[in-house]
Protein backbone atom coordinates (compact mmCIF):
# COMPACT_ATOMS: atom_id res chain seq x y z
CA MET A 1 -17.16 -92.92 226.20
CA THR A 2 -19.35 -90.50 224.23
CA LEU A 3 -22.10 -90.37 226.85
CA PHE A 4 -19.77 -90.03 229.79
CA SER A 5 -17.80 -87.38 228.01
CA LEU A 6 -21.04 -85.26 227.56
CA ILE A 7 -22.23 -85.86 231.13
CA ILE A 8 -18.93 -84.98 232.72
CA ALA A 9 -18.49 -81.84 230.54
CA LEU A 10 -21.93 -80.66 231.41
CA LEU A 11 -21.33 -81.29 235.08
CA LEU A 12 -17.98 -79.51 234.97
CA GLU A 13 -19.56 -76.61 233.21
CA GLN A 14 -22.19 -76.35 235.92
CA VAL A 15 -19.64 -76.39 238.72
CA ARG A 16 -17.14 -74.13 237.04
CA PRO A 17 -18.57 -72.01 234.20
CA LEU A 18 -16.15 -71.23 231.46
CA PRO A 19 -15.32 -67.51 230.83
CA VAL A 20 -16.23 -68.13 227.22
CA LYS A 21 -15.67 -64.58 226.03
CA HIS A 22 -12.00 -64.50 227.05
CA VAL A 23 -11.14 -68.13 226.47
CA VAL A 24 -13.09 -68.86 223.17
CA LEU A 25 -14.79 -65.82 221.64
CA ASP A 26 -11.83 -63.35 221.82
CA PRO A 27 -9.34 -65.62 220.29
CA LEU A 28 -11.76 -66.53 217.56
CA ALA A 29 -12.50 -62.96 216.89
CA THR A 30 -8.81 -62.35 216.44
CA LEU A 31 -8.53 -65.15 213.98
CA SER A 32 -11.58 -63.93 212.14
CA GLY A 33 -10.10 -60.46 211.87
CA ALA A 34 -6.86 -61.96 210.48
CA LEU A 35 -8.67 -63.95 207.84
CA VAL A 36 -10.80 -61.02 206.77
CA ARG A 37 -7.75 -58.89 206.33
CA ARG A 38 -5.95 -61.58 204.44
CA PHE A 39 -8.83 -62.91 202.23
CA ASN A 40 -11.63 -60.43 201.91
CA ASP A 41 -12.03 -58.59 198.67
CA GLY A 42 -15.79 -58.69 198.78
CA GLN A 43 -16.09 -61.92 196.72
CA ALA A 44 -18.03 -64.98 197.97
CA GLN A 45 -15.33 -67.35 196.65
CA HIS A 46 -12.76 -65.96 198.95
CA GLY A 47 -15.12 -66.24 201.90
CA ARG A 48 -15.50 -69.87 201.02
CA MET A 49 -11.76 -70.32 200.97
CA ALA A 50 -11.24 -68.58 204.39
CA TRP A 51 -14.03 -70.64 205.89
CA ALA A 52 -12.64 -73.93 204.57
CA LEU A 53 -9.22 -73.07 205.75
CA VAL A 54 -10.16 -72.64 209.38
CA VAL A 55 -13.14 -75.07 209.73
CA ILE A 56 -11.88 -77.94 207.76
CA ILE A 57 -8.35 -77.78 209.20
CA GLY A 58 -9.72 -77.22 212.68
CA THR A 59 -12.08 -80.28 212.40
CA GLY A 60 -9.48 -82.53 210.82
CA GLY A 61 -6.75 -81.50 213.16
CA THR A 62 -9.07 -82.27 216.13
CA ALA A 63 -9.86 -85.70 214.75
CA LEU A 64 -6.17 -86.53 214.10
CA LEU A 65 -5.18 -85.42 217.66
CA HIS A 66 -7.97 -87.49 219.11
CA TYR A 67 -6.76 -90.57 217.15
CA LEU A 68 -3.18 -90.07 218.27
CA LEU A 69 -4.19 -89.70 221.97
CA TRP A 70 -6.37 -92.81 221.66
CA GLU A 71 -3.25 -94.78 220.35
CA VAL A 72 -1.29 -93.62 223.33
CA HIS A 73 -3.92 -94.39 225.87
CA PRO A 74 -7.82 -94.22 225.73
CA ALA A 75 -7.88 -92.16 228.95
CA LEU A 76 -6.05 -89.35 227.19
CA ALA A 77 -8.60 -89.39 224.41
CA PHE A 78 -11.38 -89.33 226.96
CA ALA A 79 -9.78 -86.30 228.70
CA PHE A 80 -9.38 -84.54 225.29
CA ASN A 81 -13.17 -85.20 224.63
CA VAL A 82 -14.16 -83.62 227.85
CA ALA A 83 -11.80 -80.66 227.48
CA ALA A 84 -13.05 -79.95 223.92
CA LEU A 85 -16.75 -80.15 225.01
CA TYR A 86 -16.04 -77.85 227.89
CA LEU A 87 -14.68 -75.32 225.52
CA THR A 88 -17.46 -75.69 222.99
CA MET A 89 -20.74 -76.64 224.80
CA GLY A 90 -22.57 -75.45 227.93
CA PHE A 91 -25.75 -74.01 229.33
CA ARG A 92 -23.89 -71.47 231.52
CA GLN A 93 -22.30 -69.65 228.56
CA GLU A 94 -25.37 -67.37 228.33
CA SER A 95 -27.71 -68.54 231.09
CA HIS A 96 -26.61 -65.84 233.49
CA PHE A 97 -28.56 -63.33 231.31
CA PHE A 98 -31.71 -65.50 231.50
CA THR A 99 -31.31 -65.99 235.28
CA ASP A 100 -30.79 -62.26 235.93
CA ILE A 101 -33.67 -61.13 233.77
CA HIS A 102 -35.98 -63.79 235.37
CA LEU A 103 -34.97 -62.47 238.84
CA ALA A 104 -35.52 -58.83 237.85
CA LEU A 105 -39.01 -59.58 236.49
CA ARG A 106 -39.80 -61.51 239.76
CA MET A 107 -38.75 -58.49 241.72
CA GLY A 108 -40.62 -56.02 239.57
CA GLU A 109 -37.50 -54.36 238.34
CA LEU A 110 -38.73 -53.97 234.73
CA ASP A 111 -36.01 -51.32 233.76
CA ARG A 112 -33.20 -53.63 234.87
CA ALA A 113 -34.74 -56.50 232.91
CA ARG A 114 -34.88 -54.36 229.82
CA THR A 115 -31.29 -53.36 230.23
CA LEU A 116 -30.13 -56.98 230.69
CA LEU A 117 -32.12 -58.02 227.65
CA GLY A 118 -30.45 -55.33 225.58
CA GLU A 119 -27.01 -56.56 226.71
CA TRP A 120 -27.89 -60.08 225.65
CA ARG A 121 -29.71 -59.47 222.45
CA GLY A 122 -28.32 -56.15 221.36
CA GLY A 123 -30.56 -53.16 220.79
CA SER A 124 -32.61 -51.13 223.11
CA TYR A 125 -35.86 -52.33 224.78
CA ARG A 126 -36.75 -49.33 226.95
CA ASP A 127 -40.35 -49.31 225.83
CA ALA A 128 -40.85 -53.15 226.03
CA SER A 129 -43.65 -54.38 228.48
CA SER A 130 -42.78 -57.09 231.08
CA SER A 131 -44.56 -59.60 228.75
CA GLU A 132 -42.33 -58.55 225.78
CA VAL A 133 -39.22 -58.85 227.94
CA ALA A 134 -40.23 -62.36 229.07
CA ARG A 135 -41.19 -63.43 225.48
CA LEU A 136 -37.91 -62.29 223.99
CA THR A 137 -35.90 -63.81 226.80
CA ILE A 138 -37.67 -67.20 226.25
CA GLU A 139 -36.99 -66.88 222.54
CA GLN A 140 -33.30 -66.17 223.09
CA ALA A 141 -32.99 -69.03 225.64
CA LEU A 142 -34.49 -71.56 223.35
CA VAL A 143 -32.15 -70.71 220.43
CA ALA A 144 -29.17 -70.42 222.76
CA ALA A 145 -29.93 -73.80 224.39
CA HIS A 146 -29.87 -75.42 220.91
CA ARG A 147 -26.72 -73.67 219.70
CA ASN A 148 -24.78 -74.09 222.93
CA VAL A 149 -25.80 -77.56 223.76
CA PHE A 150 -28.01 -79.62 221.51
CA GLY A 151 -26.28 -78.76 218.21
CA VAL A 152 -22.79 -79.22 219.65
CA ALA A 153 -23.81 -82.57 221.21
CA PHE A 154 -25.35 -83.75 217.97
CA TRP A 155 -22.16 -83.28 216.02
CA PHE A 156 -20.00 -84.57 218.83
CA VAL A 157 -21.82 -87.91 218.54
CA ILE A 158 -21.69 -88.10 214.78
CA LEU A 159 -18.02 -87.30 214.01
CA PRO A 160 -14.84 -88.94 215.44
CA GLY A 161 -13.74 -87.73 218.82
CA PRO A 162 -14.64 -84.04 219.55
CA SER A 163 -14.14 -83.11 215.92
CA GLY A 164 -17.83 -82.50 215.43
CA ALA A 165 -18.19 -80.28 218.40
CA VAL A 166 -15.24 -78.23 217.18
CA MET A 167 -16.68 -78.08 213.62
CA TYR A 168 -20.10 -76.86 214.88
CA ARG A 169 -18.64 -74.23 217.19
CA LEU A 170 -16.36 -72.80 214.37
CA ALA A 171 -19.09 -72.91 211.83
CA ARG A 172 -21.48 -71.14 214.10
CA PHE A 173 -19.02 -68.45 215.06
CA PHE A 174 -18.14 -67.59 211.53
CA ALA A 175 -21.80 -67.69 210.37
CA GLU A 176 -22.57 -65.04 213.09
CA ASP A 177 -19.38 -63.03 212.59
CA TRP A 178 -19.27 -63.00 208.87
CA GLY A 179 -22.75 -64.05 207.67
CA ARG A 180 -24.65 -61.25 209.36
CA ARG A 181 -22.61 -58.40 208.04
CA THR A 182 -24.22 -56.30 205.35
CA ASP A 183 -21.82 -53.33 205.18
CA PRO A 184 -20.81 -52.66 201.47
CA GLU A 185 -17.11 -53.07 202.06
CA PHE A 186 -17.63 -56.58 203.36
CA GLY A 187 -19.46 -57.63 200.23
CA GLU A 188 -20.30 -61.24 199.71
CA PHE A 189 -17.50 -62.54 201.91
CA GLY A 190 -19.81 -63.91 204.54
CA ARG A 191 -22.43 -65.53 202.41
CA PHE A 192 -20.82 -69.05 202.34
CA ALA A 193 -20.29 -69.09 206.06
CA ARG A 194 -23.99 -68.36 206.67
CA ARG A 195 -25.16 -71.01 204.17
CA ALA A 196 -22.67 -73.60 205.38
CA PHE A 197 -24.01 -73.26 208.88
CA GLU A 198 -27.60 -73.55 207.75
CA VAL A 199 -26.61 -76.87 206.19
CA ILE A 200 -24.72 -78.07 209.20
CA ASP A 201 -27.57 -77.17 211.56
CA TRP A 202 -30.41 -78.42 209.39
CA LEU A 203 -30.81 -81.83 211.11
CA PRO A 204 -29.80 -80.82 214.61
CA VAL A 205 -32.43 -77.98 214.69
CA ARG A 206 -35.13 -80.39 213.78
CA LEU A 207 -34.01 -83.01 216.32
CA THR A 208 -33.96 -80.37 219.06
CA ALA A 209 -37.55 -79.16 218.09
CA ALA A 210 -38.62 -82.76 218.20
CA SER A 211 -37.14 -83.12 221.72
CA PHE A 212 -39.09 -79.99 222.87
CA SER A 213 -42.23 -81.46 221.36
CA ILE A 214 -41.77 -84.85 223.15
CA VAL A 215 -41.16 -83.40 226.62
CA GLY A 216 -43.94 -80.62 226.26
CA ASN A 217 -47.32 -80.37 224.70
CA PHE A 218 -46.67 -82.65 221.75
CA GLU A 219 -49.75 -81.88 219.66
CA ASP A 220 -49.51 -78.20 220.03
CA ALA A 221 -45.86 -78.14 219.43
CA ILE A 222 -46.12 -80.16 216.21
CA TYR A 223 -49.02 -78.08 214.97
CA CYS A 224 -47.17 -74.76 215.60
CA TRP A 225 -44.10 -76.09 213.93
CA ARG A 226 -45.99 -77.33 210.92
CA THR A 227 -48.10 -74.17 210.37
CA GLN A 228 -46.04 -71.29 211.69
CA ALA A 229 -42.37 -71.91 210.98
CA VAL A 230 -42.71 -70.97 207.36
CA LEU A 231 -43.80 -67.42 208.42
CA TRP A 232 -40.54 -66.42 210.05
CA PRO A 233 -37.55 -65.09 208.02
CA ASP A 234 -35.02 -67.25 209.94
CA ARG A 235 -36.24 -70.74 209.32
CA SER A 236 -33.98 -72.47 211.92
CA SER A 237 -35.05 -70.10 214.74
CA ALA A 238 -38.64 -70.40 213.57
CA ILE A 239 -38.66 -74.19 214.05
CA LEU A 240 -37.12 -73.87 217.49
CA LEU A 241 -39.50 -71.10 218.57
CA SER A 242 -42.67 -72.40 217.10
CA SER A 243 -42.20 -75.90 218.61
CA GLY A 244 -40.92 -74.54 221.88
CA GLY A 245 -43.85 -72.14 222.20
CA GLY A 246 -46.31 -74.88 221.41
CA ALA A 247 -44.64 -77.21 223.88
CA LEU A 248 -44.80 -74.51 226.62
CA GLY A 249 -48.22 -73.30 225.81
CA VAL A 250 -46.95 -69.72 225.40
CA ARG A 251 -47.20 -67.18 222.61
CA LEU A 252 -43.82 -66.06 221.14
CA GLY A 253 -43.01 -63.78 218.25
CA MET A 254 -45.56 -61.05 217.84
CA PRO A 255 -44.80 -57.32 217.64
CA ILE A 256 -42.22 -55.88 219.97
CA HIS A 257 -40.85 -52.47 220.95
CA GLU A 258 -37.16 -52.44 219.87
CA SER A 259 -34.90 -49.39 219.59
CA GLY A 260 -37.64 -46.93 219.63
CA GLU A 261 -39.67 -48.70 216.97
CA ILE A 262 -42.49 -51.24 216.79
CA VAL A 263 -41.20 -54.34 215.04
CA ASP A 264 -43.93 -56.46 213.49
CA ARG A 265 -43.35 -60.16 213.84
CA PRO A 266 -45.69 -63.16 213.19
CA GLU A 267 -46.98 -65.18 216.16
CA LEU A 268 -45.22 -68.36 217.09
CA GLY A 269 -46.49 -70.92 219.61
CA GLN A 270 -49.88 -70.63 221.14
CA GLY A 271 -51.43 -70.23 224.56
CA ASP A 272 -50.93 -67.55 227.20
CA GLU A 273 -48.96 -64.29 227.25
CA ALA A 274 -45.37 -64.88 228.35
CA ASP A 275 -44.40 -64.00 232.01
CA ALA A 276 -41.87 -64.97 234.57
CA ASP A 277 -43.63 -68.36 235.26
CA HIS A 278 -43.19 -69.35 231.57
CA MET A 279 -39.55 -68.43 231.84
CA GLN A 280 -39.20 -70.99 234.66
CA SER A 281 -41.10 -73.52 232.61
CA THR A 282 -38.61 -72.89 229.71
CA VAL A 283 -35.75 -74.03 232.06
CA GLY A 284 -37.62 -77.26 232.84
CA LEU A 285 -38.45 -77.91 229.10
CA VAL A 286 -34.75 -77.57 228.05
CA TRP A 287 -33.49 -79.74 230.83
CA ARG A 288 -36.14 -82.50 230.15
CA ALA A 289 -35.28 -82.42 226.48
CA LEU A 290 -31.62 -82.90 227.34
CA LEU A 291 -32.37 -85.73 229.57
CA VAL A 292 -34.38 -87.48 226.84
CA CYS A 293 -31.49 -87.03 224.37
CA LEU A 294 -28.95 -88.47 226.90
CA PHE A 295 -31.38 -91.43 227.54
CA MET A 296 -31.60 -92.11 223.92
CA LEU A 297 -27.93 -92.01 223.50
CA ALA A 298 -27.52 -94.44 226.44
CA LEU A 299 -30.13 -96.75 224.82
CA LEU A 300 -28.12 -96.75 221.56
CA GLY A 301 -24.84 -97.37 223.35
CA LEU A 302 -26.44 -100.28 225.29
CA ALA A 303 -27.84 -101.71 222.06
CA GLY A 304 -24.47 -101.46 220.41
CA TRP A 305 -22.77 -103.18 223.38
CA VAL A 306 -25.32 -106.02 223.47
CA GLY A 307 -25.17 -106.47 219.70
CA GLY A 308 -21.43 -106.58 219.78
C-alpha cells in the first residue's frame, strides 16, 4: 500500500498539479499567525510549546484517523494516504519556476529568467549572468526536490499512515516561517522550530544525497560531499548541493550578484560552468534518484511479503 500510495499521488500531481499556495500554504500561514499572536513573547520555550501543539497534534491526529479508516475499510485508509500525499508532496509545487527559467535561458531571454529567479528565491538578480541564473536555479531545484518529494516520502514510509508526511510538511513550514525570522520583536520564538526541522531532516537529507550520488557521477559526488559540505553555512543544503553538483559534473555555489551586491559563497560540486544543458541534466538526475528510491521500496516490500 505504501508504494502504490506514493506512485498514485505522484501521478495525480503530474496530471493535476495542486494549487499549493491557496490549498496548503495560505491556511498554514493563517494558523501560524494565530499561534504567534497567542504564544510569542520572544522566548524560545513558548515557541517550543506552539510548535509541539500544532506538529504533534497534527501528526498524532493523522495517525489516529488513518487507523480508524483502516478499521472501517482498508480502501478508505489507502485513499486517505493518497490524499495526504497529494497535499504534502509533489514536484509540480515549484517546478513551474524551473521550467520557465529553463525555457527563458534557451530562448536567450536573460532578463525574464532573472525576474523569474527573483520570484522563486526572493531578492533581485538583475546583474546575474546566464551562468549564475542557471547555477542558482539548479541549486534551488535540488533543495526543492528533496523537501517537496524525498523528505516527505521518507517520513511517509517510516511513520504510520500519512502521519510522517504531515509531520514533515508542518515541521518544514514552521522552520521556514518562524526559524528564519531575525526581527527583534520575534525574539527566540522560532529557534526550536528551526532546530527541530534540522533533526527531522538529518537522515532524509543524507539519503537523498546518496541517491543523487548513485545515479550520477558517484566518485565525484562523494568527494564533493565529503570535502565541501562543511564550508557552507546551511549544512543540509550543502550536502544536497555538493553531492548534486558532483553527480552532475557542474560547479555550484561560488560568488553571485544578488540585490545589487556580490555575495561571496564557497564552491560546491566540480566540473563545468552551469548552463541550460545542466538544468536539463538536473531534471534527469532527480527523476533517476526517485526511481531508485521507489525500486528499493519495492524490493523491501517484496522481501517482507516473501518473508511473511
